[in-house]
Amino acid sequence: MGRSGELLEVARTQDVLSKAYVSGLEIVNARLDESSLHLIEKLKPALDSLYIVEVIPNEKRVMLLKGVSLRFNDWEDLLRNLQALPEAIKRMEPRGEYFLSPQGLFYKLRGGDDEKR
């Protein structure tokens, strides 16, 4: 997308697989509104993270590798603690749900689905 929010072209497969994607933003007349565009610019470090798969702006939530859902109160909390994700994800359960505090602490909210064997 261009800096004005206008969609310019379709992403290449290589680009799609190397960056997180943003879901839930409304596109009208092939354009994003200015506030959504500003948020995407702000979240560039998160979109480039190797551990973040999806960014869900309207829920203040990201999906991490292993299907982990990470919630937080403010985007700044996520951006300030990106460097903690590599170690934190090692301890997170697949498909678990976690909360990131403003102090950079990860709290387990709910575990992953247990498979019956």
N, C-alpha and C. Protein backbone atom coordinates (compact mmCIF):
# COMPACT_ATOMS: atom_id res chain seq x y z
N MET A 1 0.85 -1.16 0.00
CA MET A 1 0.00 0.00 0.00
C MET A 1 0.90 1.23 0.00
N GLY A 2 0.42 2.28 -0.59
CA GLY A 2 1.18 3.52 -0.61
C GLY A 2 1.04 4.28 0.70
N ARG A 3 1.88 5.29 0.88
CA ARG A 3 1.83 6.08 2.12
C ARG A 3 0.51 6.82 2.30
N SER A 4 -0.22 7.03 1.23
CA SER A 4 -1.52 7.70 1.32
C SER A 4 -2.62 6.74 1.74
N GLY A 5 -2.29 5.44 1.83
CA GLY A 5 -3.28 4.45 2.21
C GLY A 5 -3.90 3.75 1.03
N GLU A 6 -3.55 4.13 -0.18
CA GLU A 6 -4.10 3.52 -1.38
C GLU A 6 -3.39 2.20 -1.68
N LEU A 7 -4.18 1.18 -2.03
CA LEU A 7 -3.60 -0.11 -2.38
C LEU A 7 -2.94 0.01 -3.75
N LEU A 8 -1.68 -0.41 -3.83
CA LEU A 8 -0.92 -0.27 -5.06
C LEU A 8 -0.77 -1.57 -5.83
N GLU A 9 -0.51 -2.67 -5.12
CA GLU A 9 -0.30 -3.94 -5.79
C GLU A 9 -0.51 -5.08 -4.81
N VAL A 10 -0.55 -6.28 -5.34
CA VAL A 10 -0.72 -7.48 -4.54
C VAL A 10 0.66 -7.93 -4.05
N ALA A 11 0.72 -8.36 -2.81
CA ALA A 11 2.00 -8.80 -2.21
C ALA A 11 2.49 -10.08 -2.86
N ARG A 12 3.80 -10.20 -2.95
CA ARG A 12 4.42 -11.43 -3.44
C ARG A 12 4.39 -12.46 -2.31
N THR A 13 4.41 -13.72 -2.68
CA THR A 13 4.40 -14.80 -1.69
C THR A 13 5.56 -14.66 -0.71
N GLN A 14 6.72 -14.31 -1.21
CA GLN A 14 7.91 -14.12 -0.36
C GLN A 14 7.65 -13.07 0.72
N ASP A 15 6.99 -11.97 0.34
CA ASP A 15 6.69 -10.91 1.31
C ASP A 15 5.66 -11.37 2.33
N VAL A 16 4.66 -12.09 1.87
CA VAL A 16 3.60 -12.55 2.76
C VAL A 16 4.16 -13.49 3.82
N LEU A 17 5.08 -14.34 3.45
CA LEU A 17 5.62 -15.31 4.39
C LEU A 17 6.69 -14.75 5.31
N SER A 18 7.20 -13.56 5.01
CA SER A 18 8.28 -13.00 5.81
C SER A 18 7.82 -11.93 6.80
N LYS A 19 6.57 -11.52 6.74
CA LYS A 19 6.07 -10.48 7.64
C LYS A 19 4.71 -10.89 8.21
N ALA A 20 4.41 -10.32 9.36
CA ALA A 20 3.08 -10.53 9.93
C ALA A 20 2.05 -9.81 9.07
N TYR A 21 0.83 -10.29 9.10
CA TYR A 21 -0.21 -9.58 8.38
C TYR A 21 -1.16 -8.93 9.37
N VAL A 22 -1.85 -7.90 8.89
CA VAL A 22 -2.79 -7.14 9.71
C VAL A 22 -4.18 -7.53 9.26
N SER A 23 -5.03 -7.90 10.20
CA SER A 23 -6.40 -8.28 9.85
C SER A 23 -7.40 -7.35 10.53
N GLY A 24 -8.58 -7.31 9.96
CA GLY A 24 -9.68 -6.57 10.58
C GLY A 24 -9.74 -5.09 10.27
N LEU A 25 -8.91 -4.60 9.34
CA LEU A 25 -8.98 -3.18 8.98
C LEU A 25 -9.94 -3.02 7.81
N GLU A 26 -10.71 -1.96 7.84
CA GLU A 26 -11.69 -1.71 6.78
C GLU A 26 -11.02 -0.98 5.62
N ILE A 27 -11.20 -1.52 4.43
CA ILE A 27 -10.69 -0.89 3.22
C ILE A 27 -11.89 -0.41 2.42
N VAL A 28 -11.93 0.89 2.14
CA VAL A 28 -13.03 1.49 1.39
C VAL A 28 -12.45 2.14 0.14
N ASN A 29 -13.01 1.80 -1.01
CA ASN A 29 -12.52 2.33 -2.29
C ASN A 29 -11.02 2.10 -2.44
N ALA A 30 -10.57 0.90 -2.11
CA ALA A 30 -9.17 0.50 -2.21
C ALA A 30 -8.25 1.41 -1.40
N ARG A 31 -8.75 1.95 -0.27
CA ARG A 31 -7.94 2.81 0.59
C ARG A 31 -8.17 2.48 2.05
N LEU A 32 -7.12 2.66 2.85
CA LEU A 32 -7.22 2.58 4.31
C LEU A 32 -7.44 3.98 4.84
N ASP A 33 -8.17 4.10 5.94
CA ASP A 33 -8.32 5.42 6.53
C ASP A 33 -7.00 5.84 7.19
N GLU A 34 -6.88 7.12 7.47
CA GLU A 34 -5.61 7.67 7.97
C GLU A 34 -5.20 7.09 9.32
N SER A 35 -6.15 6.85 10.21
CA SER A 35 -5.79 6.31 11.52
C SER A 35 -5.24 4.88 11.40
N SER A 36 -5.82 4.07 10.52
CA SER A 36 -5.31 2.71 10.30
C SER A 36 -3.93 2.75 9.67
N LEU A 37 -3.74 3.65 8.74
CA LEU A 37 -2.43 3.79 8.10
C LEU A 37 -1.37 4.21 9.12
N HIS A 38 -1.73 5.15 10.00
CA HIS A 38 -0.80 5.59 11.04
C HIS A 38 -0.44 4.44 11.98
N LEU A 39 -1.44 3.61 12.34
CA LEU A 39 -1.19 2.47 13.21
C LEU A 39 -0.23 1.48 12.56
N ILE A 40 -0.43 1.19 11.29
CA ILE A 40 0.46 0.25 10.59
C ILE A 40 1.88 0.78 10.58
N GLU A 41 2.04 2.06 10.34
CA GLU A 41 3.39 2.67 10.36
C GLU A 41 4.03 2.50 11.74
N LYS A 42 3.24 2.75 12.77
CA LYS A 42 3.73 2.65 14.15
C LYS A 42 4.14 1.22 14.49
N LEU A 43 3.41 0.25 13.93
CA LEU A 43 3.62 -1.16 14.26
C LEU A 43 4.64 -1.86 13.37
N LYS A 44 5.34 -1.12 12.55
CA LYS A 44 6.32 -1.73 11.64
C LYS A 44 7.29 -2.68 12.35
N PRO A 45 7.85 -2.32 13.52
CA PRO A 45 8.74 -3.27 14.20
C PRO A 45 8.04 -4.59 14.55
N ALA A 46 6.78 -4.53 14.93
CA ALA A 46 6.03 -5.76 15.25
C ALA A 46 5.75 -6.56 13.98
N LEU A 47 5.44 -5.89 12.90
CA LEU A 47 5.16 -6.59 11.64
C LEU A 47 6.41 -7.29 11.11
N ASP A 48 7.57 -6.78 11.44
CA ASP A 48 8.83 -7.38 11.00
C ASP A 48 9.34 -8.47 11.96
N SER A 49 8.68 -8.65 13.08
CA SER A 49 9.12 -9.63 14.07
C SER A 49 8.99 -11.05 13.51
N LEU A 50 9.97 -11.87 13.79
CA LEU A 50 9.94 -13.27 13.36
C LEU A 50 8.94 -14.10 14.16
N TYR A 51 8.45 -13.55 15.28
CA TYR A 51 7.60 -14.31 16.19
C TYR A 51 6.12 -13.96 16.07
N ILE A 52 5.82 -12.85 15.42
CA ILE A 52 4.43 -12.40 15.25
C ILE A 52 3.94 -12.79 13.87
N VAL A 53 2.79 -13.48 13.84
CA VAL A 53 2.21 -13.96 12.59
C VAL A 53 1.10 -13.03 12.12
N GLU A 54 0.30 -12.54 13.06
CA GLU A 54 -0.86 -11.71 12.72
C GLU A 54 -1.02 -10.62 13.75
N VAL A 55 -1.42 -9.44 13.29
CA VAL A 55 -1.73 -8.31 14.16
C VAL A 55 -3.22 -8.02 14.00
N ILE A 56 -3.94 -7.95 15.12
CA ILE A 56 -5.39 -7.74 15.10
C ILE A 56 -5.67 -6.43 15.84
N PRO A 57 -5.65 -5.30 15.13
CA PRO A 57 -5.73 -3.99 15.78
C PRO A 57 -6.99 -3.75 16.62
N ASN A 58 -8.15 -4.15 16.13
CA ASN A 58 -9.38 -3.84 16.86
C ASN A 58 -9.52 -4.62 18.16
N GLU A 59 -8.66 -5.62 18.39
CA GLU A 59 -8.68 -6.39 19.64
C GLU A 59 -7.44 -6.16 20.51
N LYS A 60 -6.50 -5.32 20.02
CA LYS A 60 -5.20 -5.16 20.70
C LYS A 60 -4.65 -6.54 21.05
N ARG A 61 -4.42 -7.29 19.97
CA ARG A 61 -3.98 -8.67 20.12
C ARG A 61 -3.10 -9.03 18.94
N VAL A 62 -2.13 -9.90 19.19
CA VAL A 62 -1.33 -10.47 18.11
C VAL A 62 -1.34 -11.98 18.25
N MET A 63 -1.18 -12.65 17.13
CA MET A 63 -1.01 -14.09 17.13
C MET A 63 0.46 -14.36 16.90
N LEU A 64 1.01 -15.21 17.75
CA LEU A 64 2.43 -15.56 17.68
C LEU A 64 2.58 -16.94 17.06
N LEU A 65 3.83 -17.33 16.85
CA LEU A 65 4.10 -18.70 16.43
C LEU A 65 3.45 -19.65 17.43
N LYS A 66 3.24 -20.89 17.05
CA LYS A 66 2.62 -21.92 17.89
C LYS A 66 1.15 -21.62 18.15
N GLY A 67 0.54 -20.66 17.43
CA GLY A 67 -0.87 -20.35 17.64
C GLY A 67 -1.16 -19.62 18.93
N VAL A 68 -0.15 -19.00 19.52
CA VAL A 68 -0.31 -18.29 20.79
C VAL A 68 -0.97 -16.93 20.56
N SER A 69 -1.98 -16.64 21.36
CA SER A 69 -2.67 -15.36 21.31
C SER A 69 -2.12 -14.48 22.44
N LEU A 70 -1.67 -13.29 22.09
CA LEU A 70 -1.11 -12.37 23.08
C LEU A 70 -1.89 -11.07 23.08
N ARG A 71 -2.49 -10.76 24.23
CA ARG A 71 -3.27 -9.53 24.40
C ARG A 71 -2.47 -8.53 25.22
N PHE A 72 -2.85 -7.27 25.13
CA PHE A 72 -2.19 -6.20 25.89
C PHE A 72 -3.12 -5.01 25.91
N ASN A 73 -2.83 -4.04 26.77
CA ASN A 73 -3.68 -2.86 26.89
C ASN A 73 -3.30 -1.74 25.94
N ASP A 74 -2.02 -1.68 25.56
CA ASP A 74 -1.54 -0.57 24.74
C ASP A 74 -0.50 -1.08 23.75
N TRP A 75 -0.53 -0.58 22.54
CA TRP A 75 0.44 -0.99 21.53
C TRP A 75 1.87 -0.72 21.99
N GLU A 76 2.05 0.32 22.77
CA GLU A 76 3.39 0.64 23.28
C GLU A 76 3.94 -0.49 24.15
N ASP A 77 3.06 -1.18 24.89
CA ASP A 77 3.50 -2.31 25.71
C ASP A 77 4.12 -3.39 24.82
N LEU A 78 3.47 -3.67 23.70
CA LEU A 78 4.00 -4.67 22.78
C LEU A 78 5.32 -4.20 22.17
N LEU A 79 5.34 -2.99 21.65
CA LEU A 79 6.54 -2.48 20.99
C LEU A 79 7.73 -2.41 21.94
N ARG A 80 7.47 -2.01 23.18
CA ARG A 80 8.54 -1.89 24.17
C ARG A 80 9.11 -3.26 24.56
N ASN A 81 8.33 -4.32 24.39
CA ASN A 81 8.75 -5.65 24.86
C ASN A 81 8.95 -6.67 23.74
N LEU A 82 9.12 -6.21 22.51
CA LEU A 82 9.36 -7.13 21.40
C LEU A 82 10.59 -8.00 21.62
N GLN A 83 11.62 -7.42 22.21
CA GLN A 83 12.86 -8.17 22.42
C GLN A 83 12.68 -9.32 23.41
N ALA A 84 11.61 -9.31 24.19
CA ALA A 84 11.36 -10.39 25.16
C ALA A 84 10.64 -11.58 24.53
N LEU A 85 10.09 -11.42 23.32
CA LEU A 85 9.31 -12.50 22.71
C LEU A 85 10.10 -13.79 22.47
N PRO A 86 11.36 -13.74 21.99
CA PRO A 86 12.06 -15.00 21.74
C PRO A 86 12.14 -15.91 22.96
N GLU A 87 12.42 -15.37 24.11
CA GLU A 87 12.49 -16.19 25.33
C GLU A 87 11.11 -16.55 25.85
N ALA A 88 10.18 -15.61 25.79
CA ALA A 88 8.84 -15.85 26.32
C ALA A 88 8.12 -16.96 25.55
N ILE A 89 8.26 -16.96 24.23
CA ILE A 89 7.53 -17.95 23.43
C ILE A 89 8.01 -19.37 23.70
N LYS A 90 9.24 -19.51 24.15
CA LYS A 90 9.75 -20.84 24.50
C LYS A 90 8.96 -21.45 25.65
N ARG A 91 8.43 -20.61 26.53
CA ARG A 91 7.70 -21.09 27.71
C ARG A 91 6.19 -21.12 27.49
N MET A 92 5.73 -20.56 26.40
CA MET A 92 4.29 -20.49 26.14
C MET A 92 3.77 -21.79 25.55
N GLU A 93 2.57 -22.16 25.98
CA GLU A 93 1.94 -23.37 25.47
C GLU A 93 1.34 -23.11 24.10
N PRO A 94 1.43 -24.09 23.20
CA PRO A 94 0.77 -23.94 21.90
C PRO A 94 -0.71 -23.63 22.07
N ARG A 95 -1.20 -22.71 21.28
CA ARG A 95 -2.60 -22.26 21.28
C ARG A 95 -3.04 -21.66 22.62
N GLY A 96 -2.08 -21.30 23.45
CA GLY A 96 -2.41 -20.67 24.73
C GLY A 96 -2.75 -19.19 24.54
N GLU A 97 -3.37 -18.64 25.53
CA GLU A 97 -3.72 -17.22 25.51
C GLU A 97 -3.00 -16.54 26.66
N TYR A 98 -2.33 -15.42 26.35
CA TYR A 98 -1.49 -14.72 27.32
C TYR A 98 -1.79 -13.23 27.29
N PHE A 99 -1.43 -12.57 28.39
CA PHE A 99 -1.56 -11.12 28.50
C PHE A 99 -0.18 -10.54 28.79
N LEU A 100 0.18 -9.48 28.09
CA LEU A 100 1.44 -8.78 28.30
C LEU A 100 1.16 -7.53 29.12
N SER A 101 1.74 -7.46 30.30
CA SER A 101 1.52 -6.29 31.18
C SER A 101 2.39 -5.13 30.72
N PRO A 102 2.05 -3.91 31.16
CA PRO A 102 2.89 -2.74 30.85
C PRO A 102 4.32 -2.89 31.37
N GLN A 103 4.52 -3.72 32.39
CA GLN A 103 5.85 -3.94 32.95
C GLN A 103 6.64 -5.01 32.19
N GLY A 104 6.03 -5.61 31.16
CA GLY A 104 6.72 -6.61 30.36
C GLY A 104 6.59 -8.02 30.87
N LEU A 105 5.62 -8.28 31.73
CA LEU A 105 5.39 -9.63 32.26
C LEU A 105 4.32 -10.32 31.42
N PHE A 106 4.52 -11.60 31.15
CA PHE A 106 3.57 -12.39 30.38
C PHE A 106 2.76 -13.25 31.34
N TYR A 107 1.44 -13.08 31.32
CA TYR A 107 0.54 -13.84 32.19
C TYR A 107 -0.29 -14.80 31.36
N LYS A 108 -0.32 -16.04 31.78
CA LYS A 108 -1.14 -17.03 31.10
C LYS A 108 -2.60 -16.81 31.46
N LEU A 109 -3.44 -16.65 30.45
CA LEU A 109 -4.87 -16.48 30.68
C LEU A 109 -5.61 -17.80 30.52
N ARG A 110 -5.15 -18.56 29.53
CA ARG A 110 -5.84 -19.80 29.23
C ARG A 110 -4.87 -20.70 28.47
N GLY A 111 -4.91 -21.97 28.76
CA GLY A 111 -4.00 -22.92 28.11
C GLY A 111 -4.48 -23.32 26.74
N GLY A 112 -3.65 -24.05 26.03
CA GLY A 112 -4.01 -24.56 24.71
C GLY A 112 -5.01 -25.70 24.83
N ASP A 113 -5.51 -26.13 23.69
CA ASP A 113 -6.46 -27.24 23.66
C ASP A 113 -5.72 -28.53 23.97
N ASP A 114 -6.22 -29.26 24.92
CA ASP A 114 -5.62 -30.55 25.24
C ASP A 114 -6.17 -31.60 24.29
N GLU A 115 -5.28 -32.34 23.70
CA GLU A 115 -5.71 -33.41 22.80
C GLU A 115 -5.96 -34.67 23.63
N LYS A 116 -7.04 -35.37 23.33
CA LYS A 116 -7.32 -36.63 24.00
C LYS A 116 -6.65 -37.74 23.22
N ARG A 117 -5.93 -38.57 23.92
CA ARG A 117 -5.22 -39.68 23.24
C ARG A 117 -5.73 -41.00 23.69
